[in-house]
C-alpha cells in the first residue's frame, strides 16, 4: 500500500466534492473550482467528510498512480479552501516590477522591459518600497499553474552565484562563490 495514497483527505466545511460517471472529480470551494480526471481503474469515494482513493490491483503503474492522484486531489482541496501563495523578490540595482491588471512588466537590466500576461486564475500584486527589493506576490487555487508561472518569471533572470542578483523566492538561500583571487 502506498504510504501517501492510503491517507484519507479531510474535506473542510464549505468545500463540495463531486465525482461523475467518467471518474472526473470536481472540487468547489470559496477560492474557486477545479477539475481532475482520474484513470478508470482508481476508485474515489467520499464518506463522512473524507475523500479516499483505492487502487484496483498491485501492479507498478497502479501503485504509482495511487499516490499521484491522492496528492493532486489533496492540493485541489487545499487550493479551493485556503489557496496557495508565492512571493518572488528582485535583487539587483535598477530591477523594477509593475503590474497593470494581469500584465506584469519587469525591468531586469536588459535593454527592454519584459511583459508577461498572466492567466486569470492567478492574482498578482507588486510592492516597490524604498530601500527594499521589489516584490511580486502571486496567489492562486491551482498549485501547478502557480509554480509554472513562478518558474517562468524566475527564468528571465536566475540568481547568479557571484553577487546574488536575480529573481528569487523570498527566503531562498543562494550559494555564493568567492570569485577571482589575487594571483601570487
C-alpha atoms as a PDB file:
ATOM      1  CA  UNK A   1       0.000   0.000   0.000  1.00  0.00           C
ATOM      2  CA  UNK A   2       1.264   3.445  -0.893  1.00  0.00           C
ATOM      3  CA  UNK A   3       2.152   5.487   2.186  1.00  0.00           C
ATOM      4  CA  UNK A   4       0.756   8.637   0.589  1.00  0.00           C
ATOM      5  CA  UNK A   5      -2.120   7.033  -1.320  1.00  0.00           C
ATOM      6  CA  UNK A   6      -3.690   5.313   1.677  1.00  0.00           C
ATOM      7  CA  UNK A   7      -4.048   8.535   3.710  1.00  0.00           C
ATOM      8  CA  UNK A   8      -7.587   9.957   3.670  1.00  0.00           C
ATOM      9  CA  UNK A   9      -8.137  13.587   2.633  1.00  0.00           C
ATOM     10  CA  UNK A  10     -10.238  15.580   5.072  1.00  0.00           C
ATOM     11  CA  UNK A  11     -12.677  17.865   3.269  1.00  0.00           C
ATOM     12  CA  UNK A  12     -13.184  21.119   5.228  1.00  0.00           C
ATOM     13  CA  UNK A  13     -16.567  22.811   5.636  1.00  0.00           C
ATOM     14  CA  UNK A  14     -17.560  24.913   2.623  1.00  0.00           C
ATOM     15  CA  UNK A  15     -15.860  22.599   0.119  1.00  0.00           C
ATOM     16  CA  UNK A  16     -18.001  20.375  -2.118  1.00  0.00           C
ATOM     17  CA  UNK A  17     -16.550  17.303  -3.850  1.00  0.00           C
ATOM     18  CA  UNK A  18     -18.464  15.595  -6.672  1.00  0.00           C
ATOM     19  CA  UNK A  19     -17.473  12.519  -8.678  1.00  0.00           C
ATOM     20  CA  UNK A  20     -19.206  11.869 -12.003  1.00  0.00           C
ATOM     21  CA  UNK A  21     -19.576   8.642 -14.044  1.00  0.00           C
ATOM     22  CA  UNK A  22     -16.378   9.195 -16.063  1.00  0.00           C
ATOM     23  CA  UNK A  23     -14.271   9.344 -12.848  1.00  0.00           C
ATOM     24  CA  UNK A  24     -13.895  13.112 -13.087  1.00  0.00           C
ATOM     25  CA  UNK A  25     -13.557  14.757  -9.674  1.00  0.00           C
ATOM     26  CA  UNK A  26     -14.785  18.331  -9.231  1.00  0.00           C
ATOM     27  CA  UNK A  27     -13.843  20.296  -6.125  1.00  0.00           C
ATOM     28  CA  UNK A  28     -15.685  23.558  -5.455  1.00  0.00           C
ATOM     29  CA  UNK A  29     -14.890  25.979  -2.645  1.00  0.00           C
ATOM     30  CA  UNK A  30     -14.718  29.659  -1.682  1.00  0.00           C
ATOM     31  CA  UNK A  31     -11.492  30.297  -3.686  1.00  0.00           C
ATOM     32  CA  UNK A  32     -12.630  28.622  -6.931  1.00  0.00           C
ATOM     33  CA  UNK A  33     -13.455  25.391  -8.720  1.00  0.00           C
ATOM     34  CA  UNK A  34     -11.083  22.712 -10.060  1.00  0.00           C
ATOM     35  CA  UNK A  35     -11.492  19.528 -12.111  1.00  0.00           C
ATOM     36  CA  UNK A  36      -9.288  16.422 -12.297  1.00  0.00           C
ATOM     37  CA  UNK A  37      -9.927  13.324 -14.424  1.00  0.00           C
ATOM     38  CA  UNK A  38      -8.926  10.101 -12.628  1.00  0.00           C
ATOM     39  CA  UNK A  39      -7.914   6.928 -14.503  1.00  0.00           C
ATOM     40  CA  UNK A  40     -10.793   4.463 -14.713  1.00  0.00           C
ATOM     41  CA  UNK A  41      -9.175   1.789 -12.518  1.00  0.00           C
ATOM     42  CA  UNK A  42      -8.977   4.047  -9.464  1.00  0.00           C
ATOM     43  CA  UNK A  43     -11.929   4.163  -7.095  1.00  0.00           C
ATOM     44  CA  UNK A  44     -12.647   7.513  -5.407  1.00  0.00           C
ATOM     45  CA  UNK A  45     -15.162   7.699  -2.552  1.00  0.00           C
ATOM     46  CA  UNK A  46     -16.428  10.426  -0.231  1.00  0.00           C
ATOM     47  CA  UNK A  47     -17.736   9.443   3.175  1.00  0.00           C
ATOM     48  CA  UNK A  48     -18.074  11.315   6.490  1.00  0.00           C
ATOM     49  CA  UNK A  49     -16.222  14.391   5.220  1.00  0.00           C
ATOM     50  CA  UNK A  50     -13.245  12.332   3.997  1.00  0.00           C
ATOM     51  CA  UNK A  51     -12.056  11.518   0.493  1.00  0.00           C
ATOM     52  CA  UNK A  52     -10.366   8.134  -0.074  1.00  0.00           C
ATOM     53  CA  UNK A  53      -8.720   6.601  -3.127  1.00  0.00           C
ATOM     54  CA  UNK A  54      -8.328   2.859  -3.717  1.00  0.00           C
ATOM     55  CA  UNK A  55      -6.346   1.168  -6.469  1.00  0.00           C
ATOM     56  CA  UNK A  56      -7.628  -1.826  -8.419  1.00  0.00           C
ATOM     57  CA  UNK A  57      -4.519  -4.046  -8.267  1.00  0.00           C
ATOM     58  CA  UNK A  58      -0.884  -4.166  -7.151  1.00  0.00           C
ATOM     59  CA  UNK A  59       0.907  -3.633 -10.471  1.00  0.00           C
ATOM     60  CA  UNK A  60       3.577  -0.926 -10.718  1.00  0.00           C
ATOM     61  CA  UNK A  61       1.519   1.612 -12.668  1.00  0.00           C
ATOM     62  CA  UNK A  62      -1.446   1.392 -10.271  1.00  0.00           C
ATOM     63  CA  UNK A  63       0.827   1.901  -7.261  1.00  0.00           C
ATOM     64  CA  UNK A  64       2.416   4.961  -8.878  1.00  0.00           C
ATOM     65  CA  UNK A  65      -0.946   6.499  -9.856  1.00  0.00           C
ATOM     66  CA  UNK A  66      -2.384   5.859  -6.363  1.00  0.00           C
ATOM     67  CA  UNK A  67      -0.040   8.314  -4.635  1.00  0.00           C
ATOM     68  CA  UNK A  68      -0.152  10.776  -7.547  1.00  0.00           C
ATOM     69  CA  UNK A  69      -3.928  11.117  -7.607  1.00  0.00           C
ATOM     70  CA  UNK A  70      -4.102  11.403  -3.828  1.00  0.00           C
ATOM     71  CA  UNK A  71      -1.591  14.296  -3.926  1.00  0.00           C
ATOM     72  CA  UNK A  72      -3.423  16.007  -6.794  1.00  0.00           C
ATOM     73  CA  UNK A  73      -6.790  15.774  -5.041  1.00  0.00           C
ATOM     74  CA  UNK A  74      -5.291  16.958  -1.735  1.00  0.00           C
ATOM     75  CA  UNK A  75      -3.768  20.009  -3.491  1.00  0.00           C
ATOM     76  CA  UNK A  76      -7.146  20.739  -5.085  1.00  0.00           C
ATOM     77  CA  UNK A  77      -8.934  20.644  -1.713  1.00  0.00           C
ATOM     78  CA  UNK A  78      -6.312  22.877  -0.082  1.00  0.00           C
ATOM     79  CA  UNK A  79      -6.329  25.224  -3.096  1.00  0.00           C
ATOM     80  CA  UNK A  80     -10.076  25.877  -3.160  1.00  0.00           C
ATOM     81  CA  UNK A  81     -10.285  26.275   0.631  1.00  0.00           C
ATOM     82  CA  UNK A  82      -7.090  28.183   1.548  1.00  0.00           C
ATOM     83  CA  UNK A  83      -5.280  28.888  -1.735  1.00  0.00           C
ATOM     84  CA  UNK A  84      -1.569  28.935  -2.487  1.00  0.00           C
ATOM     85  CA  UNK A  85       0.761  31.938  -2.318  1.00  0.00           C
ATOM     86  CA  UNK A  86       4.294  32.514  -3.635  1.00  0.00           C
ATOM     87  CA  UNK A  87       6.464  35.590  -3.227  1.00  0.00           C
ATOM     88  CA  UNK A  88       9.340  36.481  -5.544  1.00  0.00           C
ATOM     89  CA  UNK A  89      11.859  39.240  -4.898  1.00  0.00           C
ATOM     90  CA  UNK A  90      14.024  41.060  -7.447  1.00  0.00           C
ATOM     91  CA  UNK A  91      17.564  41.503  -6.145  1.00  0.00           C
ATOM     92  CA  UNK A  92      19.701  43.906  -8.160  1.00  0.00           C
ATOM     93  CA  UNK A  93      20.337  47.574  -8.829  1.00  0.00           C
ATOM     94  CA  UNK A  94      17.639  49.074 -11.049  1.00  0.00           C
ATOM     95  CA  UNK A  95      15.396  45.986 -11.063  1.00  0.00           C
ATOM     96  CA  UNK A  96      11.747  47.051 -11.034  1.00  0.00           C
ATOM     97  CA  UNK A  97       8.311  45.482 -11.401  1.00  0.00           C
ATOM     98  CA  UNK A  98       4.829  46.877 -12.011  1.00  0.00           C
ATOM     99  CA  UNK A  99       1.518  45.307 -12.871  1.00  0.00           C
ATOM    100  CA  UNK A 100      -1.426  46.641 -14.825  1.00  0.00           C
ATOM    101  CA  UNK A 101      -4.235  44.156 -14.244  1.00  0.00           C
ATOM    102  CA  UNK A 102      -2.950  40.753 -15.372  1.00  0.00           C
ATOM    103  CA  UNK A 103       0.041  42.171 -17.271  1.00  0.00           C
ATOM    104  CA  UNK A 104       3.335  42.110 -15.375  1.00  0.00           C
ATOM    105  CA  UNK A 105       6.133  44.446 -16.515  1.00  0.00           C
ATOM    106  CA  UNK A 106       9.643  43.502 -15.403  1.00  0.00           C
ATOM    107  CA  UNK A 107      12.751  45.672 -15.721  1.00  0.00           C
ATOM    108  CA  UNK A 108      15.670  43.275 -15.131  1.00  0.00           C
ATOM    109  CA  UNK A 109      18.676  45.078 -16.576  1.00  0.00           C
ATOM    110  CA  UNK A 110      18.051  44.186 -20.229  1.00  0.00           C
ATOM    111  CA  UNK A 111      17.701  46.819 -22.961  1.00  0.00           C
ATOM    112  CA  UNK A 112      13.930  46.330 -22.958  1.00  0.00           C
ATOM    113  CA  UNK A 113      11.236  45.644 -20.374  1.00  0.00           C
ATOM    114  CA  UNK A 114       9.690  42.175 -20.247  1.00  0.00           C
ATOM    115  CA  UNK A 115       5.888  41.982 -20.431  1.00  0.00           C
ATOM    116  CA  UNK A 116       4.078  38.837 -19.245  1.00  0.00           C
ATOM    117  CA  UNK A 117       0.351  38.246 -19.451  1.00  0.00           C
ATOM    118  CA  UNK A 118      -0.706  36.103 -16.504  1.00  0.00           C
ATOM    119  CA  UNK A 119      -3.688  33.696 -16.549  1.00  0.00           C
ATOM    120  CA  UNK A 120      -6.952  34.849 -14.931  1.00  0.00           C
ATOM    121  CA  UNK A 121      -6.657  32.152 -12.237  1.00  0.00           C
ATOM    122  CA  UNK A 122      -3.645  33.957 -10.741  1.00  0.00           C
ATOM    123  CA  UNK A 123      -3.972  37.127  -8.657  1.00  0.00           C
ATOM    124  CA  UNK A 124      -0.893  39.326  -8.813  1.00  0.00           C
ATOM    125  CA  UNK A 125       0.286  42.130  -6.548  1.00  0.00           C
ATOM    126  CA  UNK A 126       3.548  44.070  -6.731  1.00  0.00           C
ATOM    127  CA  UNK A 127       5.278  46.042  -3.992  1.00  0.00           C
ATOM    128  CA  UNK A 128       8.002  48.625  -4.512  1.00  0.00           C
ATOM    129  CA  UNK A 129       9.281  50.116  -1.243  1.00  0.00           C
ATOM    130  CA  UNK A 130      12.251  52.380  -0.699  1.00  0.00           C
ATOM    131  CA  UNK A 131      15.493  50.580   0.297  1.00  0.00           C
ATOM    132  CA  UNK A 132      13.857  47.155  -0.153  1.00  0.00           C
ATOM    133  CA  UNK A 133      13.857  44.687  -3.028  1.00  0.00           C
ATOM    134  CA  UNK A 134      10.761  44.808  -5.267  1.00  0.00           C
ATOM    135  CA  UNK A 135       8.273  42.002  -4.510  1.00  0.00           C
ATOM    136  CA  UNK A 136       5.905  40.019  -6.723  1.00  0.00           C
ATOM    137  CA  UNK A 137       3.110  38.286  -4.771  1.00  0.00           C
ATOM    138  CA  UNK A 138       1.199  35.596  -6.681  1.00  0.00           C
ATOM    139  CA  UNK A 139      -1.904  33.795  -5.366  1.00  0.00           C
ATOM    140  CA  UNK A 140      -3.970  31.007  -6.932  1.00  0.00           C
ATOM    141  CA  UNK A 141      -6.006  27.926  -6.111  1.00  0.00           C
ATOM    142  CA  UNK A 142      -4.059  25.870  -8.711  1.00  0.00           C
ATOM    143  CA  UNK A 143      -0.679  24.867  -7.270  1.00  0.00           C
ATOM    144  CA  UNK A 144       0.705  23.503 -10.548  1.00  0.00           C
ATOM    145  CA  UNK A 145      -0.148  26.632 -12.545  1.00  0.00           C
ATOM    146  CA  UNK A 146       1.256  28.893  -9.824  1.00  0.00           C
ATOM    147  CA  UNK A 147       4.558  27.004  -9.773  1.00  0.00           C
ATOM    148  CA  UNK A 148       4.791  27.098 -13.553  1.00  0.00           C
ATOM    149  CA  UNK A 149       4.247  30.883 -13.678  1.00  0.00           C
ATOM    150  CA  UNK A 150       6.826  31.426 -10.908  1.00  0.00           C
ATOM    151  CA  UNK A 151       9.359  29.300 -12.795  1.00  0.00           C
ATOM    152  CA  UNK A 152       8.721  31.314 -15.968  1.00  0.00           C
ATOM    153  CA  UNK A 153       9.234  34.659 -14.180  1.00  0.00           C
ATOM    154  CA  UNK A 154      12.366  33.338 -12.482  1.00  0.00           C
ATOM    155  CA  UNK A 155      13.795  32.078 -15.788  1.00  0.00           C
ATOM    156  CA  UNK A 156      14.174  35.645 -17.094  1.00  0.00           C
ATOM    157  CA  UNK A 157      16.994  36.347 -14.601  1.00  0.00           C
ATOM    158  CA  UNK A 158      18.030  33.430 -12.367  1.00  0.00           C
ATOM    159  CA  UNK A 159      20.057  34.281  -9.251  1.00  0.00           C
ATOM    160  CA  UNK A 160      23.734  34.245 -10.126  1.00  0.00           C
ATOM    161  CA  UNK A 161      26.308  32.884  -7.636  1.00  0.00           C
ATOM    162  CA  UNK A 162      28.793  35.801  -7.516  1.00  0.00           C
ATOM    163  CA  UNK A 163      26.702  38.808  -6.482  1.00  0.00           C
ATOM    164  CA  UNK A 164      23.382  37.034  -5.856  1.00  0.00           C
ATOM    165  CA  UNK A 165      21.486  39.238  -8.318  1.00  0.00           C
ATOM    166  CA  UNK A 166      18.331  37.964  -9.997  1.00  0.00           C
ATOM    167  CA  UNK A 167      14.765  36.854  -9.343  1.00  0.00           C
ATOM    168  CA  UNK A 168      14.455  34.575  -6.322  1.00  0.00           C
ATOM    169  CA  UNK A 169      11.836  33.298  -3.898  1.00  0.00           C
ATOM    170  CA  UNK A 170      11.553  35.179  -0.608  1.00  0.00           C
ATOM    171  CA  UNK A 171      13.762  33.431   1.936  1.00  0.00           C
ATOM    172  CA  UNK A 172      15.717  31.434  -0.662  1.00  0.00           C
ATOM    173  CA  UNK A 173      19.427  30.988   0.062  1.00  0.00           C
ATOM    174  CA  UNK A 174      21.706  31.378  -2.967  1.00  0.00           C
ATOM    175  CA  UNK A 175      25.061  29.593  -2.780  1.00  0.00           C
ATOM    176  CA  UNK A 176      27.747  32.189  -3.276  1.00  0.00           C
ATOM    177  CA  UNK A 177      31.120  31.749  -4.968  1.00  0.00           C
ATOM    178  CA  UNK A 178      34.191  33.714  -3.973  1.00  0.00           C
ATOM    179  CA  UNK A 179      35.203  34.979  -7.429  1.00  0.00           C
ATOM    180  CA  UNK A 180      38.726  35.869  -8.503  1.00  0.00           C
ATOM    181  CA  UNK A 181      41.577  35.996  -6.025  1.00  0.00           C
ATOM    182  CA  UNK A 182      44.946  37.740  -6.295  1.00  0.00           C
ATOM    183  CA  UNK A 183      47.475  35.558  -8.140  1.00  0.00           C
ATOM    184  CA  UNK A 184      50.674  35.398  -6.061  1.00  0.00           C
END
